[in-house]
Amino acid sequence: MSYSYNHGMVTPLKGVAISAVKITELDAAATSVGENCTIAQANAGFVSSVEHDATGVYIIKLAAPYPPALLLCHPVISNADGTTDLKHATYQSASYVPSTGWLTINVSNDDDSGAPVLIDGLATDELHVLLMFTRYSTLA
């Protein structure tokens, strides 16, 4: 049988910070390379900005103090009607830098020959990212 408490989520993980962010204005018309996307919804004060770094590349910048380690980054990009080309959001391997609080999300699709190609999101797309960090250098 599972257990329940009245004070939010209970987990056996100690020292874990869980955050989520919804990012919009992923398209090049809204945010040119080097400009910030819109943080439509987030944990207050945890994510400071999201930069459109290059075609299909978005850098999430955390607010200080930066967590020492990233446990999970699960990005998902929406699809307006299910009939447009499939886009995939992925965490760029080993891109989290604890000294700067930056991590990179890539958005790609298939170029119809099977090779992934970096692409920007559409104006109607939303990038949803679930993040889990440790607050200590190791889990207790």
N, C-alpha and C. Protein backbone atom coordinates (compact mmCIF):
# COMPACT_ATOMS: atom_id res chain seq x y z
N MET A 1 0.84 -1.18 0.00
CA MET A 1 0.00 0.00 0.00
C MET A 1 0.89 1.24 0.00
N SER A 2 0.50 2.23 -0.75
CA SER A 2 1.27 3.48 -0.77
C SER A 2 0.93 4.34 0.44
N TYR A 3 1.75 5.35 0.66
CA TYR A 3 1.52 6.23 1.79
C TYR A 3 1.20 7.64 1.28
N SER A 4 0.53 8.41 2.10
CA SER A 4 0.10 9.74 1.70
C SER A 4 0.30 10.71 2.86
N TYR A 5 0.70 11.90 2.51
CA TYR A 5 0.86 12.98 3.49
C TYR A 5 0.15 14.22 2.97
N ASN A 6 -0.11 15.17 3.82
CA ASN A 6 -0.78 16.40 3.42
C ASN A 6 0.20 17.54 3.13
N HIS A 7 1.49 17.25 3.02
CA HIS A 7 2.45 18.32 2.82
C HIS A 7 3.20 18.19 1.49
N GLY A 8 2.50 17.83 0.42
CA GLY A 8 3.11 17.78 -0.89
C GLY A 8 3.72 16.43 -1.21
N MET A 9 4.54 16.41 -2.24
CA MET A 9 5.14 15.17 -2.70
C MET A 9 6.17 14.65 -1.71
N VAL A 10 6.14 13.36 -1.49
CA VAL A 10 7.10 12.72 -0.61
C VAL A 10 7.95 11.79 -1.47
N THR A 11 9.25 11.85 -1.27
CA THR A 11 10.17 11.02 -2.04
C THR A 11 11.29 10.53 -1.14
N PRO A 12 11.86 9.37 -1.41
CA PRO A 12 12.99 8.91 -0.62
C PRO A 12 14.29 9.63 -1.00
N LEU A 13 14.29 10.39 -2.09
CA LEU A 13 15.48 11.14 -2.49
C LEU A 13 15.66 12.32 -1.54
N LYS A 14 16.86 12.47 -1.01
CA LYS A 14 17.12 13.58 -0.09
C LYS A 14 17.91 14.66 -0.82
N GLY A 15 17.56 15.89 -0.59
CA GLY A 15 18.29 16.99 -1.18
C GLY A 15 18.05 17.18 -2.66
N VAL A 16 16.86 16.82 -3.16
CA VAL A 16 16.55 16.96 -4.58
C VAL A 16 15.64 18.16 -4.79
N ALA A 17 15.99 18.98 -5.78
CA ALA A 17 15.15 20.11 -6.17
C ALA A 17 14.49 19.76 -7.50
N ILE A 18 13.17 19.88 -7.55
CA ILE A 18 12.41 19.57 -8.76
C ILE A 18 11.82 20.88 -9.27
N SER A 19 11.98 21.10 -10.57
CA SER A 19 11.46 22.31 -11.17
C SER A 19 10.89 21.98 -12.54
N ALA A 20 10.03 22.84 -13.02
CA ALA A 20 9.46 22.69 -14.36
C ALA A 20 9.33 24.08 -14.96
N VAL A 21 9.46 24.13 -16.29
CA VAL A 21 9.36 25.41 -16.98
C VAL A 21 8.65 25.20 -18.32
N LYS A 22 7.80 26.16 -18.68
CA LYS A 22 7.16 26.18 -20.00
C LYS A 22 7.70 27.39 -20.75
N ILE A 23 8.27 27.11 -21.94
CA ILE A 23 8.94 28.14 -22.73
C ILE A 23 8.19 28.34 -24.04
N THR A 24 7.93 29.59 -24.40
CA THR A 24 7.25 29.90 -25.65
C THR A 24 8.12 30.85 -26.48
N GLU A 25 7.60 31.25 -27.62
CA GLU A 25 8.32 32.10 -28.58
C GLU A 25 9.63 31.44 -29.00
N LEU A 26 9.52 30.19 -29.45
CA LEU A 26 10.67 29.41 -29.89
C LEU A 26 11.04 29.70 -31.34
N ASP A 27 10.15 30.34 -32.07
CA ASP A 27 10.38 30.56 -33.50
C ASP A 27 11.31 31.73 -33.75
N ALA A 28 12.02 31.68 -34.87
CA ALA A 28 13.01 32.71 -35.21
C ALA A 28 12.37 34.08 -35.40
N ALA A 29 11.10 34.13 -35.81
CA ALA A 29 10.44 35.42 -35.99
C ALA A 29 10.24 36.14 -34.66
N ALA A 30 10.02 35.38 -33.59
CA ALA A 30 9.79 35.97 -32.27
C ALA A 30 11.10 36.28 -31.55
N THR A 31 12.06 35.37 -31.66
CA THR A 31 13.33 35.55 -30.97
C THR A 31 14.47 35.21 -31.92
N SER A 32 15.21 36.20 -32.30
CA SER A 32 16.38 35.96 -33.13
C SER A 32 17.45 35.27 -32.29
N VAL A 33 18.43 34.70 -32.98
CA VAL A 33 19.53 34.06 -32.27
C VAL A 33 20.17 35.07 -31.33
N GLY A 34 20.39 34.67 -30.10
CA GLY A 34 20.96 35.54 -29.09
C GLY A 34 19.94 36.24 -28.22
N GLU A 35 18.67 36.15 -28.57
CA GLU A 35 17.62 36.78 -27.77
C GLU A 35 16.98 35.75 -26.85
N ASN A 36 16.26 36.23 -25.85
CA ASN A 36 15.61 35.35 -24.89
C ASN A 36 14.22 34.96 -25.34
N CYS A 37 13.87 33.70 -25.12
CA CYS A 37 12.51 33.22 -25.33
C CYS A 37 11.68 33.66 -24.12
N THR A 38 10.39 33.41 -24.18
CA THR A 38 9.52 33.78 -23.07
C THR A 38 9.35 32.60 -22.12
N ILE A 39 9.55 32.86 -20.85
CA ILE A 39 9.26 31.86 -19.82
C ILE A 39 7.80 32.06 -19.46
N ALA A 40 6.94 31.19 -20.02
CA ALA A 40 5.50 31.35 -19.85
C ALA A 40 5.04 30.92 -18.47
N GLN A 41 5.74 29.93 -17.91
CA GLN A 41 5.38 29.45 -16.58
C GLN A 41 6.58 28.73 -15.99
N ALA A 42 6.87 28.97 -14.73
CA ALA A 42 8.03 28.34 -14.09
C ALA A 42 7.94 28.49 -12.58
N ASN A 43 8.77 27.72 -11.88
CA ASN A 43 8.94 27.93 -10.44
C ASN A 43 9.58 29.30 -10.27
N ALA A 44 9.00 30.13 -9.48
CA ALA A 44 9.48 31.49 -9.32
C ALA A 44 10.94 31.52 -8.88
N GLY A 45 11.76 32.20 -9.65
CA GLY A 45 13.14 32.42 -9.27
C GLY A 45 14.12 31.31 -9.57
N PHE A 46 13.68 30.16 -10.08
CA PHE A 46 14.61 29.05 -10.31
C PHE A 46 15.28 29.17 -11.69
N VAL A 47 14.49 29.38 -12.74
CA VAL A 47 15.03 29.59 -14.09
C VAL A 47 15.04 31.09 -14.33
N SER A 48 16.22 31.64 -14.64
CA SER A 48 16.30 33.09 -14.83
C SER A 48 16.03 33.51 -16.27
N SER A 49 16.45 32.71 -17.26
CA SER A 49 16.19 33.05 -18.66
C SER A 49 16.41 31.84 -19.55
N VAL A 50 15.91 31.94 -20.78
CA VAL A 50 16.12 30.91 -21.80
C VAL A 50 16.52 31.63 -23.07
N GLU A 51 17.72 31.34 -23.56
CA GLU A 51 18.26 32.03 -24.73
C GLU A 51 18.16 31.14 -25.97
N HIS A 52 17.71 31.75 -27.06
CA HIS A 52 17.70 31.09 -28.38
C HIS A 52 19.12 31.25 -28.91
N ASP A 53 19.96 30.22 -28.73
CA ASP A 53 21.40 30.32 -28.99
C ASP A 53 21.77 30.14 -30.45
N ALA A 54 21.09 29.24 -31.15
CA ALA A 54 21.31 28.96 -32.56
C ALA A 54 20.08 28.24 -33.06
N THR A 55 19.99 27.96 -34.34
CA THR A 55 18.84 27.24 -34.86
C THR A 55 18.66 25.93 -34.10
N GLY A 56 17.51 25.79 -33.44
CA GLY A 56 17.20 24.57 -32.70
C GLY A 56 17.93 24.39 -31.38
N VAL A 57 18.65 25.40 -30.93
CA VAL A 57 19.44 25.29 -29.70
C VAL A 57 18.96 26.35 -28.70
N TYR A 58 18.57 25.89 -27.52
CA TYR A 58 18.06 26.77 -26.48
C TYR A 58 18.84 26.52 -25.20
N ILE A 59 19.33 27.60 -24.59
CA ILE A 59 20.10 27.49 -23.35
C ILE A 59 19.25 27.97 -22.18
N ILE A 60 19.03 27.07 -21.22
CA ILE A 60 18.31 27.42 -20.00
C ILE A 60 19.33 27.89 -18.99
N LYS A 61 19.09 29.08 -18.44
CA LYS A 61 20.00 29.66 -17.45
C LYS A 61 19.27 29.72 -16.11
N LEU A 62 19.86 29.08 -15.11
CA LEU A 62 19.28 29.06 -13.78
C LEU A 62 19.69 30.28 -12.98
N ALA A 63 18.92 30.58 -11.95
CA ALA A 63 19.27 31.64 -11.02
C ALA A 63 20.22 31.07 -9.96
N ALA A 64 21.15 31.88 -9.51
CA ALA A 64 22.10 31.46 -8.47
C ALA A 64 21.35 31.35 -7.14
N PRO A 65 21.78 30.51 -6.24
CA PRO A 65 22.93 29.62 -6.31
C PRO A 65 22.61 28.40 -7.17
N TYR A 66 23.59 27.95 -7.95
CA TYR A 66 23.38 26.87 -8.91
C TYR A 66 23.50 25.50 -8.23
N PRO A 67 22.59 24.58 -8.54
CA PRO A 67 22.71 23.24 -7.97
C PRO A 67 23.98 22.54 -8.46
N PRO A 68 24.59 21.69 -7.64
CA PRO A 68 25.84 21.05 -8.03
C PRO A 68 25.72 19.97 -9.08
N ALA A 69 24.55 19.35 -9.23
CA ALA A 69 24.44 18.27 -10.22
C ALA A 69 23.02 18.17 -10.77
N LEU A 70 22.94 17.83 -12.04
CA LEU A 70 21.67 17.59 -12.72
C LEU A 70 21.38 16.10 -12.68
N LEU A 71 20.20 15.72 -12.16
CA LEU A 71 19.79 14.32 -12.14
C LEU A 71 18.95 13.96 -13.35
N LEU A 72 18.05 14.86 -13.75
CA LEU A 72 17.11 14.59 -14.83
C LEU A 72 16.77 15.87 -15.56
N CYS A 73 16.78 15.81 -16.88
CA CYS A 73 16.26 16.88 -17.71
C CYS A 73 15.39 16.20 -18.75
N HIS A 74 14.10 16.43 -18.67
CA HIS A 74 13.16 15.78 -19.58
C HIS A 74 12.41 16.86 -20.37
N PRO A 75 12.92 17.21 -21.56
CA PRO A 75 12.25 18.21 -22.39
C PRO A 75 11.24 17.58 -23.34
N VAL A 76 10.12 18.26 -23.56
CA VAL A 76 9.09 17.82 -24.49
C VAL A 76 8.60 19.05 -25.23
N ILE A 77 8.47 18.94 -26.56
CA ILE A 77 7.95 20.06 -27.34
C ILE A 77 6.56 19.70 -27.82
N SER A 78 5.65 20.67 -27.75
CA SER A 78 4.26 20.43 -28.13
C SER A 78 4.12 20.37 -29.64
N ASN A 79 2.97 19.88 -30.09
CA ASN A 79 2.64 19.83 -31.51
C ASN A 79 1.22 20.36 -31.63
N ALA A 80 1.03 21.42 -32.38
CA ALA A 80 -0.24 22.13 -32.41
C ALA A 80 -1.43 21.26 -32.79
N ASP A 81 -1.28 20.41 -33.78
CA ASP A 81 -2.43 19.64 -34.23
C ASP A 81 -2.13 18.17 -34.51
N GLY A 82 -0.91 17.73 -34.29
CA GLY A 82 -0.57 16.33 -34.51
C GLY A 82 -0.31 15.96 -35.95
N THR A 83 -0.45 16.92 -36.87
CA THR A 83 -0.22 16.61 -38.28
C THR A 83 1.02 17.29 -38.84
N THR A 84 1.63 18.18 -38.06
CA THR A 84 2.84 18.84 -38.52
C THR A 84 4.02 17.90 -38.32
N ASP A 85 5.16 18.20 -38.94
CA ASP A 85 6.34 17.37 -38.78
C ASP A 85 6.63 17.16 -37.30
N LEU A 86 7.04 15.95 -36.96
CA LEU A 86 7.40 15.66 -35.58
C LEU A 86 8.69 16.36 -35.22
N LYS A 87 8.70 16.99 -34.08
CA LYS A 87 9.89 17.63 -33.56
C LYS A 87 10.25 16.92 -32.26
N HIS A 88 11.53 16.83 -31.99
CA HIS A 88 11.98 16.16 -30.78
C HIS A 88 12.87 17.12 -29.99
N ALA A 89 12.58 17.25 -28.72
CA ALA A 89 13.42 18.06 -27.83
C ALA A 89 14.27 17.10 -27.01
N THR A 90 15.56 17.35 -26.95
CA THR A 90 16.47 16.50 -26.20
C THR A 90 17.43 17.34 -25.39
N TYR A 91 17.84 16.80 -24.26
CA TYR A 91 18.89 17.42 -23.45
C TYR A 91 20.22 17.10 -24.13
N GLN A 92 21.05 18.11 -24.32
CA GLN A 92 22.37 17.89 -24.91
C GLN A 92 23.27 17.27 -23.86
N SER A 93 23.80 16.10 -24.16
CA SER A 93 24.61 15.33 -23.21
C SER A 93 25.67 16.18 -22.52
N ALA A 94 25.73 16.03 -21.22
CA ALA A 94 26.75 16.68 -20.38
C ALA A 94 26.81 18.20 -20.58
N SER A 95 25.68 18.82 -20.90
CA SER A 95 25.71 20.27 -21.14
C SER A 95 25.49 21.09 -19.87
N TYR A 96 25.05 20.46 -18.77
CA TYR A 96 24.85 21.25 -17.55
C TYR A 96 26.20 21.62 -16.96
N VAL A 97 26.37 22.92 -16.71
CA VAL A 97 27.61 23.44 -16.13
C VAL A 97 27.28 24.02 -14.75
N PRO A 98 27.65 23.34 -13.67
CA PRO A 98 27.29 23.82 -12.33
C PRO A 98 27.87 25.19 -11.98
N SER A 99 28.98 25.58 -12.59
CA SER A 99 29.58 26.88 -12.26
C SER A 99 28.83 28.05 -12.90
N THR A 100 28.06 27.80 -13.96
CA THR A 100 27.28 28.87 -14.61
C THR A 100 25.78 28.67 -14.48
N GLY A 101 25.35 27.43 -14.17
CA GLY A 101 23.93 27.14 -14.09
C GLY A 101 23.25 27.06 -15.44
N TRP A 102 24.00 26.72 -16.49
CA TRP A 102 23.46 26.65 -17.84
C TRP A 102 23.33 25.21 -18.29
N LEU A 103 22.26 24.92 -19.06
CA LEU A 103 22.12 23.63 -19.73
C LEU A 103 21.48 23.85 -21.09
N THR A 104 21.70 22.91 -22.01
CA THR A 104 21.29 23.10 -23.39
C THR A 104 20.23 22.07 -23.80
N ILE A 105 19.19 22.58 -24.47
CA ILE A 105 18.15 21.76 -25.06
C ILE A 105 18.23 21.92 -26.57
N ASN A 106 18.21 20.81 -27.30
CA ASN A 106 18.21 20.83 -28.77
C ASN A 106 16.85 20.39 -29.28
N VAL A 107 16.37 21.05 -30.34
CA VAL A 107 15.13 20.66 -31.00
C VAL A 107 15.48 20.25 -32.41
N SER A 108 15.03 19.06 -32.81
CA SER A 108 15.36 18.56 -34.15
C SER A 108 14.16 17.86 -34.76
N ASN A 109 14.27 17.63 -36.07
CA ASN A 109 13.31 16.77 -36.75
C ASN A 109 14.06 15.95 -37.79
N ASP A 110 13.34 15.11 -38.50
CA ASP A 110 13.91 14.23 -39.51
C ASP A 110 13.93 14.98 -40.84
N ASP A 111 15.03 14.91 -41.58
CA ASP A 111 15.12 15.61 -42.86
C ASP A 111 14.56 14.77 -44.01
N ASP A 112 13.71 13.81 -43.71
CA ASP A 112 13.06 12.90 -44.65
C ASP A 112 14.00 11.86 -45.24
N SER A 113 15.27 11.86 -44.83
CA SER A 113 16.17 10.79 -45.24
C SER A 113 16.67 10.04 -44.01
N GLY A 114 16.14 10.39 -42.85
CA GLY A 114 16.47 9.69 -41.62
C GLY A 114 17.47 10.38 -40.74
N ALA A 115 18.10 11.46 -41.21
CA ALA A 115 19.09 12.17 -40.41
C ALA A 115 18.42 13.32 -39.66
N PRO A 116 18.68 13.44 -38.35
CA PRO A 116 18.09 14.57 -37.62
C PRO A 116 18.74 15.89 -38.00
N VAL A 117 17.91 16.94 -38.01
CA VAL A 117 18.37 18.29 -38.35
C VAL A 117 17.85 19.23 -37.27
N LEU A 118 18.69 20.12 -36.78
CA LEU A 118 18.25 21.11 -35.80
C LEU A 118 17.28 22.08 -36.45
N ILE A 119 16.17 22.36 -35.76
CA ILE A 119 15.16 23.29 -36.26
C ILE A 119 14.65 24.13 -35.10
N ASP A 120 14.15 25.32 -35.41
CA ASP A 120 13.48 26.13 -34.40
C ASP A 120 12.05 25.64 -34.24
N GLY A 121 11.49 25.88 -33.07
CA GLY A 121 10.09 25.58 -32.86
C GLY A 121 9.24 26.55 -33.65
N LEU A 122 7.96 26.25 -33.78
CA LEU A 122 7.01 27.13 -34.45
C LEU A 122 6.45 28.14 -33.44
N ALA A 123 5.76 29.14 -33.95
CA ALA A 123 5.18 30.17 -33.08
C ALA A 123 4.18 29.57 -32.10
N THR A 124 3.52 28.48 -32.48
CA THR A 124 2.51 27.87 -31.62
C THR A 124 3.08 26.80 -30.68
N ASP A 125 4.36 26.48 -30.82
CA ASP A 125 4.97 25.43 -30.00
C ASP A 125 5.29 25.91 -28.59
N GLU A 126 5.23 24.98 -27.67
CA GLU A 126 5.66 25.21 -26.29
C GLU A 126 6.69 24.15 -25.94
N LEU A 127 7.74 24.56 -25.28
CA LEU A 127 8.77 23.64 -24.81
C LEU A 127 8.57 23.48 -23.30
N HIS A 128 8.26 22.26 -22.88
CA HIS A 128 8.05 21.95 -21.47
C HIS A 128 9.26 21.17 -20.99
N VAL A 129 9.85 21.59 -19.87
CA VAL A 129 11.06 20.93 -19.38
C VAL A 129 10.89 20.63 -17.89
N LEU A 130 11.06 19.34 -17.56
CA LEU A 130 11.06 18.90 -16.17
C LEU A 130 12.51 18.72 -15.75
N LEU A 131 12.88 19.34 -14.64
CA LEU A 131 14.27 19.32 -14.17
C LEU A 131 14.34 18.79 -12.74
N MET A 132 15.35 17.98 -12.49
CA MET A 132 15.64 17.52 -11.13
C MET A 132 17.13 17.72 -10.88
N PHE A 133 17.45 18.39 -9.79
CA PHE A 133 18.84 18.67 -9.41
C PHE A 133 19.08 18.17 -8.00
N THR A 134 20.35 17.88 -7.68
CA THR A 134 20.71 17.61 -6.30
C THR A 134 21.16 18.92 -5.66
N ARG A 135 20.81 19.08 -4.42
CA ARG A 135 21.25 20.27 -3.69
C ARG A 135 22.59 20.02 -3.01
N TYR A 136 23.05 18.78 -3.03
CA TYR A 136 24.33 18.41 -2.46
C TYR A 136 25.15 17.73 -3.55
N SER A 137 26.43 17.57 -3.34
CA SER A 137 27.27 16.96 -4.36
C SER A 137 27.01 15.47 -4.53
N THR A 138 26.43 14.83 -3.51
CA THR A 138 26.06 13.41 -3.60
C THR A 138 24.70 13.23 -2.93
N LEU A 139 24.00 12.17 -3.32
CA LEU A 139 22.72 11.86 -2.68
C LEU A 139 22.98 11.11 -1.39
N ALA A 140 22.24 11.44 -0.34
CA ALA A 140 22.40 10.77 0.95
C ALA A 140 21.67 9.45 0.95
